[in-house]
Amino acid sequence: EKPDVLNAFFTSVFKSQTTSSGEQIKPPTIQEDKVRDLLLQLDCHKSMGLDEIHLRALRELTEVIAKPLAIIYQFLGEVGMLSKSPCHTWREIALFPTCRACLPGPGTFQCSETGLAFEVESAATIVYRYDSWSTHLKEADQNVWVPAGPLFNIWALPGTVRAVYLPHFICLSDVDISGCSIAHFEFQKMTMQQPTEVMAFSAVLENPSFSLLGVVWRKLRSAISLPMHSLVLIFQQLRAANTTLHLYLIPDDNSVKQVR
């Protein structure tokens, strides 16, 4: 219910409108009072949703969260990030924070947090965040393709980015790079794009069109899995009679590190 109530209002507020001369109309400001009213309308007798937040708790915290929610939705609306899937937007705002890069001029710039990099020919503003493969990669496609890096949701004005460098964790020394593709999700459909270049830790796509982008690799026919750069996690079981170490290898994926 929370996503339905809030997003139905905010999406309508930020619906794209133009004047008769073709000029874009600036969307109105999200008012804190309106957010407060919507929160107070939540039915606290209903069960909590996928975000596992009780509606009663939200109503009781209305005075605390109304202002930050107004700020969040104002920002999302201005950069075109209000999703047509309300649940998806609500659940992942906290899980995958939004980054905003204001690039001063020509050059290649890399985000130290995500490994994502952009090549631009002039000053540009780019908004991006992690997204979830499980939400977009259909089960049938999972039989053919395996995610090889984070999935990103990226917003930028058309033509402002000459090339995007999408990080991946596949070890290239033992794999055929022809199996590398870039998955592009738009309007709930996936298309495959061939990277301009596959580098040691990133795949380059020139003149990209942005929405959801991520590196995937065609699955091997054999039972052997793709070689990956991995993170090593070691846990010691202290109460065991003998010292027991549990070793885990996970893909060197910054989005996984963040969620963990």
Protein backbone atom coordinates (compact mmCIF):
# COMPACT_ATOMS: atom_id res chain seq x y z
CA GLU A 1 0.00 0.00 0.00
CA LYS A 2 2.80 2.46 0.84
CA PRO A 3 4.25 2.39 -2.69
CA ASP A 4 0.81 2.63 -4.29
CA VAL A 5 -0.31 5.62 -2.24
CA LEU A 6 2.90 7.63 -2.48
CA ASN A 7 3.99 6.82 -6.01
CA ALA A 8 0.53 7.31 -7.51
CA PHE A 9 0.61 10.89 -6.28
CA PHE A 10 4.24 11.70 -7.05
CA THR A 11 4.22 10.15 -10.53
CA SER A 12 1.17 12.22 -11.45
CA VAL A 13 2.82 15.38 -10.12
CA PHE A 14 5.95 14.84 -12.21
CA LYS A 15 4.21 13.78 -15.42
CA SER A 16 6.01 15.38 -18.34
CA GLN A 17 4.17 18.45 -19.67
CA THR A 18 4.99 21.04 -22.30
CA THR A 19 3.59 24.40 -23.30
CA SER A 20 2.08 25.12 -26.72
CA SER A 21 5.50 26.41 -27.82
CA GLY A 22 7.15 23.12 -26.87
CA GLU A 23 8.86 24.37 -23.71
CA GLN A 24 9.13 21.95 -20.79
CA ILE A 25 7.04 22.90 -17.76
CA LYS A 26 9.00 22.64 -14.52
CA PRO A 27 7.28 20.23 -12.11
CA PRO A 28 5.86 21.68 -8.88
CA THR A 29 7.58 21.30 -5.53
CA ILE A 30 6.63 18.32 -3.39
CA GLN A 31 5.11 19.73 -0.22
CA GLU A 32 5.96 18.21 3.14
CA ASP A 33 2.36 18.68 4.26
CA LYS A 34 1.09 16.58 1.35
CA VAL A 35 3.51 13.77 2.20
CA ARG A 36 2.36 13.95 5.81
CA ASP A 37 -1.29 13.66 4.74
CA LEU A 38 -0.53 10.61 2.57
CA LEU A 39 1.32 8.86 5.38
CA LEU A 40 -1.57 9.48 7.76
CA GLN A 41 -3.92 7.82 5.25
CA LEU A 42 -2.08 4.48 5.46
CA ASP A 43 -4.22 1.65 6.85
CA CYS A 44 -2.28 0.39 9.85
CA HIS A 45 -4.42 -2.77 10.03
CA LYS A 46 -2.92 -4.13 6.83
CA SER A 47 0.13 -6.40 6.89
CA MET A 48 3.56 -5.01 6.08
CA GLY A 49 4.78 -5.13 2.49
CA LEU A 50 7.96 -6.40 0.85
CA ASP A 51 10.02 -3.73 2.62
CA GLU A 52 9.02 -5.32 5.97
CA ILE A 53 8.04 -1.98 7.51
CA HIS A 54 4.85 -1.98 9.56
CA LEU A 55 2.30 0.59 8.43
CA ARG A 56 1.58 1.51 12.04
CA ALA A 57 5.25 2.39 12.53
CA LEU A 58 5.17 4.66 9.47
CA ARG A 59 2.06 6.44 10.70
CA GLU A 60 3.56 6.96 14.15
CA LEU A 61 6.77 8.30 12.58
CA THR A 62 4.98 10.63 10.17
CA GLU A 63 6.39 13.78 11.74
CA VAL A 64 9.92 12.38 11.49
CA ILE A 65 9.93 10.96 7.95
CA ALA A 66 7.61 13.35 6.08
CA LYS A 67 10.36 15.89 5.34
CA PRO A 68 13.07 13.42 4.14
CA LEU A 69 10.52 11.60 1.97
CA ALA A 70 9.48 14.89 0.38
CA ILE A 71 13.13 15.65 -0.41
CA ILE A 72 13.72 12.17 -1.86
CA TYR A 73 10.70 12.26 -4.17
CA GLN A 74 11.43 15.82 -5.25
CA PHE A 75 14.91 14.74 -6.34
CA LEU A 76 13.67 11.56 -8.04
CA GLY A 77 11.06 13.47 -9.98
CA GLU A 78 13.46 16.14 -11.18
CA VAL A 79 15.88 13.58 -12.62
CA GLY A 80 13.15 11.37 -14.08
CA MET A 81 13.58 8.49 -11.67
CA LEU A 82 10.00 7.97 -10.52
CA SER A 83 9.37 4.39 -11.54
CA LYS A 84 6.22 2.95 -13.10
CA SER A 85 6.78 0.09 -10.67
CA PRO A 86 6.05 1.69 -7.26
CA CYS A 87 7.23 -1.26 -5.14
CA HIS A 88 10.54 -1.35 -6.97
CA THR A 89 11.24 2.34 -6.35
CA TRP A 90 10.22 2.30 -2.67
CA ARG A 91 12.17 -0.82 -1.65
CA GLU A 92 15.45 0.05 -3.32
CA ILE A 93 15.87 3.75 -2.47
CA ALA A 94 17.49 2.82 0.84
CA LEU A 95 19.22 -0.34 -0.40
CA PHE A 96 20.84 1.30 -3.43
CA PRO A 97 21.52 4.99 -2.75
CA THR A 98 21.55 7.35 -5.72
CA CYS A 99 24.81 8.96 -6.86
CA ARG A 100 25.02 12.22 -8.76
CA ALA A 101 28.20 13.05 -10.68
CA CYS A 102 28.76 16.62 -11.86
CA LEU A 103 31.62 16.28 -14.34
CA PRO A 104 33.44 19.59 -14.92
CA GLY A 105 34.59 19.09 -18.53
CA PRO A 106 36.14 16.73 -21.09
CA GLY A 107 37.80 13.56 -19.83
CA THR A 108 37.21 10.12 -18.35
CA PHE A 109 35.93 10.00 -14.79
CA GLN A 110 35.56 6.92 -12.57
CA CYS A 111 33.42 6.52 -9.47
CA SER A 112 35.58 5.20 -6.61
CA GLU A 113 32.56 3.58 -4.94
CA THR A 114 31.09 1.65 -7.87
CA GLY A 115 33.91 1.35 -10.42
CA LEU A 116 31.58 2.85 -13.04
CA ALA A 117 33.33 5.29 -15.40
CA PHE A 118 32.18 7.82 -18.01
CA GLU A 119 33.98 9.48 -20.89
CA VAL A 120 32.53 12.89 -21.73
CA GLU A 121 33.47 15.64 -24.17
CA SER A 122 32.03 18.50 -22.13
CA ALA A 123 30.61 19.25 -18.71
CA ALA A 124 27.81 16.83 -17.80
CA THR A 125 25.64 15.72 -14.90
CA ILE A 126 24.97 12.00 -14.56
CA VAL A 127 22.73 10.26 -12.04
CA TYR A 128 23.15 6.55 -11.36
CA ARG A 129 22.61 3.79 -8.82
CA TYR A 130 22.76 0.04 -8.50
CA ASP A 131 19.75 -2.05 -9.46
CA SER A 132 18.78 -5.70 -8.96
CA TRP A 133 19.42 -8.40 -11.56
CA SER A 134 16.80 -10.64 -9.97
CA THR A 135 14.13 -8.04 -10.68
CA HIS A 136 14.86 -7.75 -14.41
CA LEU A 137 16.64 -10.88 -15.69
CA LYS A 138 13.94 -13.39 -16.56
CA GLU A 139 14.27 -17.04 -15.62
CA ALA A 140 14.54 -18.14 -19.27
CA ASP A 141 17.38 -15.66 -19.85
CA GLN A 142 19.20 -16.93 -16.75
CA ASN A 143 19.64 -20.26 -18.53
CA VAL A 144 21.71 -18.51 -21.21
CA TRP A 145 23.30 -15.52 -19.52
CA VAL A 146 25.03 -15.03 -16.18
CA PRO A 147 25.47 -11.56 -14.63
CA ALA A 148 29.14 -10.63 -14.76
CA GLY A 149 29.00 -7.34 -12.90
CA PRO A 150 26.60 -4.92 -11.21
CA LEU A 151 23.42 -3.76 -12.91
CA PHE A 152 23.21 0.04 -13.10
CA ASN A 153 20.33 2.41 -13.60
CA ILE A 154 21.80 5.49 -15.29
CA TRP A 155 20.29 8.83 -16.30
CA ALA A 156 22.02 11.40 -18.50
CA LEU A 157 21.02 13.75 -21.27
CA PRO A 158 21.29 12.10 -24.72
CA GLY A 159 24.64 12.68 -26.38
CA THR A 160 26.45 13.87 -23.26
CA VAL A 161 28.38 10.62 -22.66
CA ARG A 162 30.79 9.40 -25.33
CA ALA A 163 31.47 6.06 -23.62
CA VAL A 164 30.55 4.22 -20.44
CA TYR A 165 32.87 1.74 -18.70
CA LEU A 166 30.76 -0.94 -17.00
CA PRO A 167 32.66 -2.95 -14.36
CA HIS A 168 32.81 -6.76 -14.49
CA PHE A 169 34.46 -9.47 -12.38
CA ILE A 170 35.32 -12.11 -15.03
CA CYS A 171 38.97 -13.20 -15.22
CA LEU A 172 39.83 -12.68 -18.89
CA SER A 173 42.97 -14.78 -18.93
CA ASP A 174 40.98 -18.02 -19.06
CA VAL A 175 37.81 -17.09 -20.93
CA ASP A 176 36.61 -16.25 -24.45
CA ILE A 177 35.68 -12.56 -24.47
CA SER A 178 33.25 -13.15 -27.36
CA GLY A 179 30.83 -14.40 -24.72
CA CYS A 180 30.63 -10.91 -23.21
CA SER A 181 27.57 -8.75 -23.89
CA ILE A 182 25.90 -5.75 -22.31
CA ALA A 183 22.30 -6.24 -21.26
CA HIS A 184 20.10 -3.22 -21.85
CA PHE A 185 16.69 -3.22 -20.16
CA GLU A 186 14.07 -0.82 -21.41
CA PHE A 187 10.27 -1.01 -21.18
CA GLN A 188 10.61 -4.40 -19.43
CA LYS A 189 12.45 -5.86 -22.44
CA MET A 190 16.07 -6.97 -22.61
CA THR A 191 18.29 -6.39 -25.63
CA MET A 192 21.92 -7.37 -26.01
CA GLN A 193 24.61 -4.95 -27.15
CA GLN A 194 28.16 -5.84 -28.11
CA PRO A 195 30.77 -3.91 -26.13
CA THR A 196 33.19 -1.73 -28.07
CA GLU A 197 36.04 -3.15 -26.01
CA VAL A 198 36.42 -5.65 -23.17
CA MET A 199 39.10 -4.63 -20.67
CA ALA A 200 40.47 -6.41 -17.61
CA PHE A 201 37.84 -5.06 -15.23
CA SER A 202 35.30 -3.29 -17.44
CA ALA A 203 33.39 -3.48 -20.70
CA VAL A 204 33.27 -0.31 -22.80
CA LEU A 205 30.15 0.81 -24.66
CA GLU A 206 30.46 3.86 -26.91
CA ASN A 207 27.62 6.29 -27.59
CA PRO A 208 25.34 4.57 -25.07
CA SER A 209 21.64 5.13 -24.55
CA PHE A 210 20.91 4.94 -20.86
CA SER A 211 18.45 3.13 -18.67
CA LEU A 212 19.40 -0.22 -17.10
CA LEU A 213 22.81 -1.51 -18.20
CA GLY A 214 25.01 -4.35 -16.98
CA VAL A 215 27.63 -6.81 -18.19
CA VAL A 216 26.54 -10.41 -18.78
CA TRP A 217 28.41 -13.47 -20.02
CA ARG A 218 27.08 -16.35 -22.05
CA LYS A 219 27.04 -19.49 -19.94
CA LEU A 220 29.51 -22.22 -20.75
CA ARG A 221 28.06 -25.47 -22.07
CA SER A 222 30.28 -27.51 -19.80
CA ALA A 223 29.81 -27.84 -16.07
CA ILE A 224 32.82 -25.60 -15.49
CA SER A 225 31.83 -22.17 -14.21
CA LEU A 226 33.30 -18.91 -15.47
CA PRO A 227 36.55 -17.85 -13.76
CA MET A 228 35.89 -14.82 -11.57
CA HIS A 229 37.80 -12.32 -9.50
CA SER A 230 36.50 -13.05 -6.04
CA LEU A 231 36.37 -11.76 -2.49
CA VAL A 232 37.44 -14.14 0.26
CA LEU A 233 35.43 -14.30 3.47
CA ILE A 234 36.77 -16.41 6.34
CA PHE A 235 34.76 -17.12 9.49
CA GLN A 236 36.07 -18.92 12.55
CA GLN A 237 33.76 -21.08 14.64
CA LEU A 238 34.93 -20.21 18.15
CA ARG A 239 32.88 -22.74 20.14
CA ALA A 240 33.98 -25.78 18.15
CA ALA A 241 36.16 -28.38 19.90
CA ASN A 242 38.75 -27.90 17.19
CA THR A 243 39.41 -24.71 15.25
CA THR A 244 36.99 -24.57 12.31
CA LEU A 245 37.35 -22.07 9.50
CA HIS A 246 34.56 -21.47 6.97
CA LEU A 247 35.82 -20.13 3.63
CA TYR A 248 33.48 -18.34 1.22
CA LEU A 249 34.25 -16.96 -2.23
CA ILE A 250 31.91 -14.34 -3.67
CA PRO A 251 32.25 -12.34 -6.92
CA ASP A 252 34.22 -9.11 -6.57
CA ASP A 253 31.08 -7.06 -7.10
CA ASN A 254 30.82 -3.65 -5.41
CA SER A 255 27.04 -3.87 -5.27
CA VAL A 256 27.34 -7.14 -3.30
CA LYS A 257 29.82 -5.51 -0.91
CA GLN A 258 27.39 -2.65 -0.31
CA VAL A 259 24.39 -4.88 0.42
CA ARG A 260 26.45 -7.09 2.70
